[in-house]
N, C-alpha and C. Protein backbone atom coordinates (compact mmCIF):
# COMPACT_ATOMS: atom_id res chain seq x y z
N UNK A 1 110.76 89.19 132.45
CA UNK A 1 110.41 90.64 131.98
C UNK A 1 109.86 90.19 130.45
N UNK A 2 108.83 90.73 130.02
CA UNK A 2 108.24 90.75 128.63
C UNK A 2 108.90 91.88 127.78
N UNK A 3 109.59 91.17 126.72
CA UNK A 3 110.55 92.17 125.99
C UNK A 3 109.40 93.00 125.00
N UNK A 4 109.45 94.43 125.36
CA UNK A 4 108.70 95.37 124.54
C UNK A 4 108.98 95.48 123.28
N UNK A 5 107.99 95.97 122.33
CA UNK A 5 108.40 95.86 121.03
C UNK A 5 107.96 97.47 120.46
N UNK A 6 108.66 97.64 119.52
CA UNK A 6 108.49 99.21 118.69
C UNK A 6 108.71 99.09 117.55
N UNK A 7 107.88 99.43 116.72
CA UNK A 7 107.87 99.78 115.26
C UNK A 7 108.34 101.12 114.97
N UNK A 8 109.35 101.15 114.01
CA UNK A 8 109.85 102.27 113.53
C UNK A 8 109.36 102.61 112.18
N UNK A 9 108.81 103.66 111.74
CA UNK A 9 108.27 104.05 110.48
C UNK A 9 108.93 105.52 110.10
N UNK A 10 110.07 105.44 109.58
CA UNK A 10 111.07 106.43 109.46
C UNK A 10 111.32 106.50 108.01
N UNK A 11 111.27 107.56 107.22
CA UNK A 11 111.60 107.95 105.83
C UNK A 11 112.98 107.21 105.61
N UNK A 12 114.07 107.70 106.17
CA UNK A 12 115.15 107.28 105.73
C UNK A 12 115.77 106.11 106.51
N UNK A 13 116.15 104.94 105.57
CA UNK A 13 116.67 103.61 106.14
C UNK A 13 117.84 103.80 106.98
N UNK A 14 118.61 104.75 106.87
CA UNK A 14 119.88 105.20 107.57
C UNK A 14 119.62 105.84 108.76
N UNK A 15 118.55 106.66 108.84
CA UNK A 15 118.12 107.27 110.09
C UNK A 15 117.45 106.03 110.93
N UNK A 16 116.92 105.27 110.29
CA UNK A 16 115.97 104.27 111.11
C UNK A 16 117.01 103.44 111.76
N UNK A 17 117.96 102.78 111.15
CA UNK A 17 118.90 102.04 111.52
C UNK A 17 119.83 102.71 112.87
N UNK A 18 120.05 104.09 112.68
CA UNK A 18 120.86 104.83 113.58
C UNK A 18 119.79 104.87 114.81
N UNK A 19 118.55 105.05 114.74
CA UNK A 19 117.42 105.24 115.84
C UNK A 19 117.52 103.95 116.52
N UNK A 20 117.50 102.73 115.57
CA UNK A 20 117.22 101.63 116.39
C UNK A 20 118.42 101.16 117.14
N UNK A 21 119.95 101.65 116.60
CA UNK A 21 121.04 101.29 117.30
C UNK A 21 120.94 102.09 118.62
N UNK A 22 120.59 103.38 118.64
CA UNK A 22 120.44 104.03 119.83
C UNK A 22 119.61 103.68 120.82
N UNK A 23 118.26 103.24 120.35
CA UNK A 23 117.36 102.61 121.36
C UNK A 23 117.68 101.25 121.98
N UNK A 24 118.38 100.55 121.09
CA UNK A 24 118.83 99.41 121.71
C UNK A 24 120.00 99.62 123.03
N UNK A 25 120.66 100.72 122.60
CA UNK A 25 121.83 101.04 123.83
C UNK A 25 120.99 101.46 125.08
N UNK A 26 120.01 102.30 124.80
CA UNK A 26 119.23 103.10 126.06
C UNK A 26 118.25 102.08 126.30
N UNK A 27 117.61 101.36 125.87
CA UNK A 27 116.46 100.38 126.20
C UNK A 27 116.55 99.01 126.16
N UNK A 28 117.08 98.32 127.17
CA UNK A 28 117.50 96.96 127.38
C UNK A 28 116.03 95.79 127.06
N UNK A 29 115.21 96.46 127.30
CA UNK A 29 113.91 95.33 126.98
C UNK A 29 113.06 95.68 125.92
N UNK A 30 113.55 96.52 125.00
CA UNK A 30 112.74 96.58 123.83
C UNK A 30 113.30 95.75 122.52
N UNK A 31 112.33 95.48 121.69
CA UNK A 31 113.01 95.02 120.33
C UNK A 31 112.53 95.93 119.32
N UNK A 32 113.48 96.22 118.37
CA UNK A 32 113.02 97.17 117.41
C UNK A 32 112.99 96.61 116.23
N UNK A 33 111.65 97.03 115.45
CA UNK A 33 111.23 96.43 114.17
C UNK A 33 111.31 97.71 113.32
N UNK A 34 111.92 97.74 112.11
CA UNK A 34 111.83 98.91 111.42
C UNK A 34 111.01 98.33 109.93
N UNK A 35 110.00 99.20 109.79
CA UNK A 35 109.19 99.18 108.73
C UNK A 35 109.84 99.57 107.40
N UNK A 36 109.63 98.64 106.42
CA UNK A 36 110.31 99.28 105.03
C UNK A 36 109.59 100.53 104.41
N UNK A 37 108.42 100.63 104.47
CA UNK A 37 107.77 101.72 103.89
C UNK A 37 106.31 102.01 104.72
N UNK A 38 105.90 103.06 104.49
CA UNK A 38 104.47 103.40 105.08
C UNK A 38 103.33 102.23 104.55
N UNK A 39 103.52 101.93 103.38
CA UNK A 39 102.59 100.75 102.96
C UNK A 39 102.60 99.46 103.71
N UNK A 40 103.81 99.04 104.40
CA UNK A 40 103.79 98.01 104.90
C UNK A 40 103.86 98.04 106.57
N UNK A 41 103.59 99.08 107.07
CA UNK A 41 103.64 99.41 108.42
C UNK A 41 102.42 98.87 109.14
N UNK A 42 101.24 98.83 108.68
CA UNK A 42 100.06 98.06 109.38
C UNK A 42 100.29 96.57 109.37
N UNK A 43 100.91 96.05 108.29
CA UNK A 43 101.23 94.78 108.39
C UNK A 43 102.28 94.39 109.56
N UNK A 44 103.27 95.05 109.52
CA UNK A 44 104.44 94.97 110.51
C UNK A 44 103.74 94.92 111.89
N UNK A 45 103.03 95.98 112.03
CA UNK A 45 102.02 96.10 113.39
C UNK A 45 101.28 94.90 113.78
N UNK A 46 100.60 94.27 112.69
CA UNK A 46 99.79 93.08 113.03
C UNK A 46 100.55 91.99 113.14
N UNK A 47 101.70 91.81 112.59
CA UNK A 47 102.49 90.72 112.86
C UNK A 47 103.13 90.69 114.28
N UNK A 48 103.92 91.58 114.47
CA UNK A 48 104.60 91.99 115.68
C UNK A 48 103.70 92.48 116.86
N UNK A 49 102.77 93.14 116.92
CA UNK A 49 102.04 93.38 118.05
C UNK A 49 102.79 94.36 118.98
N UNK A 50 103.20 95.65 118.22
CA UNK A 50 104.19 96.39 119.19
C UNK A 50 103.57 97.10 120.19
N UNK A 51 104.26 97.45 121.04
CA UNK A 51 103.81 98.25 122.28
C UNK A 51 103.82 99.86 121.92
N UNK A 52 104.71 100.11 120.94
CA UNK A 52 104.66 101.55 120.60
C UNK A 52 104.97 101.54 118.95
N UNK A 53 104.38 102.21 118.40
CA UNK A 53 104.58 102.69 117.06
C UNK A 53 105.03 104.02 116.81
N UNK A 54 106.32 104.31 116.15
CA UNK A 54 106.89 105.54 116.04
C UNK A 54 107.07 105.92 114.60
N UNK A 55 106.24 106.94 114.29
CA UNK A 55 106.17 107.20 112.78
C UNK A 55 106.77 108.44 112.55
N UNK A 56 107.54 108.77 111.52
CA UNK A 56 108.25 110.21 111.20
C UNK A 56 106.96 110.77 110.44
N UNK A 57 106.90 112.10 110.38
CA UNK A 57 105.86 112.89 109.77
C UNK A 57 106.66 113.88 108.89
N UNK A 58 106.48 114.32 107.85
CA UNK A 58 107.08 114.96 106.83
C UNK A 58 106.00 116.00 106.08
N UNK A 59 106.36 116.74 105.09
CA UNK A 59 105.50 117.81 104.54
C UNK A 59 105.00 117.14 103.31
N UNK A 60 105.39 115.93 103.04
CA UNK A 60 105.09 115.46 101.47
C UNK A 60 104.69 113.93 101.81
N UNK A 61 104.04 113.50 100.83
CA UNK A 61 103.43 112.04 100.77
C UNK A 61 104.79 111.14 100.56
N UNK A 62 104.53 110.05 101.08
CA UNK A 62 103.36 109.34 101.95
C UNK A 62 103.68 109.63 103.68
N UNK A 63 104.43 110.66 103.99
CA UNK A 63 104.53 110.78 105.29
C UNK A 63 103.93 112.15 105.73
N UNK A 64 102.76 112.39 105.05
CA UNK A 64 102.25 113.59 105.77
C UNK A 64 101.23 113.17 106.66
N UNK A 65 101.12 114.20 107.56
CA UNK A 65 100.46 113.96 109.11
C UNK A 65 98.98 113.25 108.55
N UNK A 66 98.09 113.50 107.54
CA UNK A 66 96.68 112.90 107.46
C UNK A 66 97.14 111.62 107.04
N UNK A 67 97.99 111.08 106.34
CA UNK A 67 98.26 109.68 106.02
C UNK A 67 98.72 109.05 107.19
N UNK A 68 99.70 109.52 108.10
CA UNK A 68 100.06 108.78 109.08
C UNK A 68 98.84 108.60 110.22
N UNK A 69 98.01 109.52 110.27
CA UNK A 69 96.90 109.28 111.08
C UNK A 69 96.04 108.07 110.80
N UNK A 70 95.97 107.90 109.44
CA UNK A 70 95.05 107.06 108.69
C UNK A 70 95.85 105.40 109.00
N UNK A 71 97.06 105.43 108.85
CA UNK A 71 97.74 104.14 109.33
C UNK A 71 97.48 103.99 110.85
N UNK A 72 97.92 104.98 111.68
CA UNK A 72 97.53 104.78 113.17
C UNK A 72 96.01 104.42 113.52
N UNK A 73 95.03 104.83 112.70
CA UNK A 73 93.63 104.34 112.91
C UNK A 73 93.57 102.63 112.58
N UNK A 74 94.29 102.31 111.55
CA UNK A 74 94.21 100.92 111.28
C UNK A 74 94.87 100.12 112.36
N UNK A 75 95.99 100.33 112.65
CA UNK A 75 96.80 100.02 113.73
C UNK A 75 95.94 99.75 115.21
N UNK A 76 95.52 100.86 115.48
CA UNK A 76 94.61 101.04 116.77
C UNK A 76 93.44 100.15 116.83
N UNK A 77 92.85 99.70 115.74
CA UNK A 77 91.77 99.15 115.55
C UNK A 77 92.12 97.47 115.94
N UNK A 78 93.34 97.06 115.47
CA UNK A 78 93.87 95.81 115.82
C UNK A 78 94.68 95.58 116.77
N UNK A 79 95.23 96.69 117.57
CA UNK A 79 96.02 96.55 118.64
C UNK A 79 95.76 97.63 119.51
N UNK A 80 94.83 97.61 120.22
CA UNK A 80 94.49 98.53 121.24
C UNK A 80 95.36 99.11 121.82
N UNK A 81 96.14 98.21 122.47
CA UNK A 81 97.15 98.75 123.71
C UNK A 81 98.23 99.62 123.15
N UNK A 82 98.56 99.49 121.94
CA UNK A 82 99.47 100.42 121.06
C UNK A 82 99.62 101.53 121.11
N UNK A 83 100.64 102.27 121.71
CA UNK A 83 100.90 103.75 121.65
C UNK A 83 101.62 104.11 120.58
N UNK A 84 101.40 105.52 120.22
CA UNK A 84 101.85 106.17 119.14
C UNK A 84 102.62 107.47 119.37
N UNK A 85 103.66 107.49 118.83
CA UNK A 85 104.56 108.53 118.81
C UNK A 85 105.04 109.17 117.66
N UNK A 86 104.66 110.35 117.37
CA UNK A 86 104.89 110.90 116.12
C UNK A 86 106.40 111.63 116.18
N UNK A 87 107.11 111.57 114.99
CA UNK A 87 108.51 112.29 115.12
C UNK A 87 108.68 113.09 114.05
N UNK A 88 108.93 114.41 114.23
CA UNK A 88 109.37 115.51 113.31
C UNK A 88 110.75 115.69 113.35
N UNK A 89 111.39 115.60 112.34
CA UNK A 89 112.94 115.70 112.27
C UNK A 89 113.06 116.93 112.18
N UNK A 90 112.29 117.92 111.06
CA UNK A 90 112.68 119.18 110.77
C UNK A 90 111.71 120.38 111.59
N UNK A 91 112.00 120.80 112.66
CA UNK A 91 111.16 121.86 113.19
C UNK A 91 110.87 123.14 112.47
N UNK A 92 111.50 123.15 111.17
CA UNK A 92 111.17 124.43 110.58
C UNK A 92 109.83 124.62 109.76
N UNK A 93 109.14 123.62 109.63
CA UNK A 93 107.87 123.39 109.16
C UNK A 93 106.91 123.74 110.13
N UNK A 94 106.44 124.77 110.38
CA UNK A 94 105.53 125.19 111.46
C UNK A 94 104.35 124.73 111.37
N UNK A 95 103.80 124.44 110.17
CA UNK A 95 102.56 124.03 110.13
C UNK A 95 102.21 122.43 110.50
N UNK A 96 103.43 121.81 110.03
CA UNK A 96 103.40 120.43 110.28
C UNK A 96 103.75 120.36 111.88
N UNK A 97 104.56 121.03 112.42
CA UNK A 97 104.99 121.01 114.20
C UNK A 97 103.69 121.24 114.54
N UNK A 98 103.02 122.33 114.26
CA UNK A 98 101.50 122.64 115.01
C UNK A 98 100.57 121.56 114.73
N UNK A 99 100.52 121.14 113.66
CA UNK A 99 99.54 119.71 113.58
C UNK A 99 99.76 118.66 114.41
N UNK A 100 101.18 118.45 114.65
CA UNK A 100 101.54 117.28 115.67
C UNK A 100 101.21 117.59 117.08
N UNK A 101 101.60 118.88 117.36
CA UNK A 101 101.21 119.26 118.65
C UNK A 101 99.80 119.34 119.00
N UNK A 102 98.87 119.85 117.94
CA UNK A 102 97.47 119.85 118.24
C UNK A 102 96.82 118.30 118.26
N UNK A 103 97.36 117.56 117.61
CA UNK A 103 97.38 116.04 117.82
C UNK A 103 97.27 115.55 119.43
N UNK A 104 98.52 115.82 119.84
CA UNK A 104 98.71 115.49 121.22
C UNK A 104 97.74 116.26 122.29
N UNK A 105 97.44 117.40 121.67
CA UNK A 105 96.67 118.15 122.58
C UNK A 105 95.06 117.52 122.68
N UNK A 106 94.79 117.02 121.34
CA UNK A 106 93.35 116.47 121.23
C UNK A 106 93.61 114.98 121.53
N UNK A 107 94.43 114.43 122.21
CA UNK A 107 94.44 112.81 122.56
C UNK A 107 94.53 111.99 121.43
N UNK A 108 94.88 112.66 120.23
CA UNK A 108 94.93 111.57 119.08
C UNK A 108 96.49 110.80 119.06
N UNK A 109 97.29 111.33 119.70
CA UNK A 109 98.65 110.53 119.75
C UNK A 109 99.13 110.53 121.12
N UNK A 110 100.01 109.70 121.66
CA UNK A 110 100.33 109.52 123.05
C UNK A 110 101.63 110.47 123.33
N UNK A 111 102.49 110.71 122.13
CA UNK A 111 103.61 111.64 122.37
C UNK A 111 104.10 112.17 121.01
N UNK A 112 105.08 113.19 121.04
CA UNK A 112 105.89 113.54 119.79
C UNK A 112 107.14 113.94 120.19
N UNK A 113 108.26 113.73 119.24
CA UNK A 113 109.41 114.15 119.33
C UNK A 113 109.91 114.95 118.19
N UNK A 114 110.92 115.72 118.76
CA UNK A 114 111.44 116.54 117.35
C UNK A 114 112.87 115.78 117.19
N UNK A 115 113.47 115.88 116.11
CA UNK A 115 114.77 115.54 115.82
C UNK A 115 115.98 116.09 116.70
N UNK A 116 115.76 117.33 117.26
CA UNK A 116 116.80 118.05 117.95
C UNK A 116 116.85 117.32 119.33
N UNK A 117 115.90 116.75 119.97
CA UNK A 117 116.21 116.17 121.22
C UNK A 117 117.54 115.18 121.61
N UNK A 118 117.96 115.06 122.82
CA UNK A 118 118.96 114.17 123.04
C UNK A 118 118.59 112.75 123.06
N UNK A 119 119.41 111.88 122.74
CA UNK A 119 119.28 110.42 122.68
C UNK A 119 118.42 110.04 124.03
N UNK A 120 119.03 110.42 125.08
CA UNK A 120 118.48 110.17 126.41
C UNK A 120 116.88 110.62 126.59
N UNK A 121 116.69 111.84 126.15
CA UNK A 121 115.24 112.31 126.10
C UNK A 121 114.44 111.45 125.15
N UNK A 122 115.01 111.20 123.89
CA UNK A 122 114.17 110.40 122.85
C UNK A 122 113.81 109.10 123.55
N UNK A 123 114.64 108.35 124.21
CA UNK A 123 114.54 107.08 124.76
C UNK A 123 113.51 107.02 125.66
N UNK A 124 113.70 108.03 126.68
CA UNK A 124 112.74 108.19 127.88
C UNK A 124 111.51 108.34 127.50
N UNK A 125 111.15 109.17 126.48
CA UNK A 125 109.86 109.44 126.06
C UNK A 125 109.16 108.05 125.62
N UNK A 126 109.91 107.55 124.74
CA UNK A 126 109.43 106.09 124.14
C UNK A 126 109.24 105.15 125.42
N UNK A 127 110.13 105.21 126.33
CA UNK A 127 109.73 104.30 127.68
C UNK A 127 108.50 104.71 128.26
N UNK A 128 108.39 105.74 128.50
CA UNK A 128 107.44 106.35 129.13
C UNK A 128 105.91 106.17 128.73
N UNK A 129 105.59 105.96 127.56
CA UNK A 129 104.54 105.84 126.78
C UNK A 129 103.76 104.48 127.13
């Protein structure tokens, strides 16, 4: 079995490491790579050629939706098979949530997740893309 790879681009390092631990418990055949910052995400993807890129979207730079989509365009150019999942930790920002939903409706992203979903659901969505 080929080990699948996922690159996590999450604002909080602690949150990213918790997510990594949870994913490694739920998904045996995944290697998790944590990007240190949005500036290094494209480079990490070019190096590791992930199957999935999971990026957190926030209401402020450098995690805003438009900046995330620019990173995704660069990754998609070099790794066409990579899938994108956007992660919104705080559902209280309705504009942000709607942007992410609309991106899925428009086919710009493969999936989205909210911070409020269970670990099993979170891992299942990642595994399903």
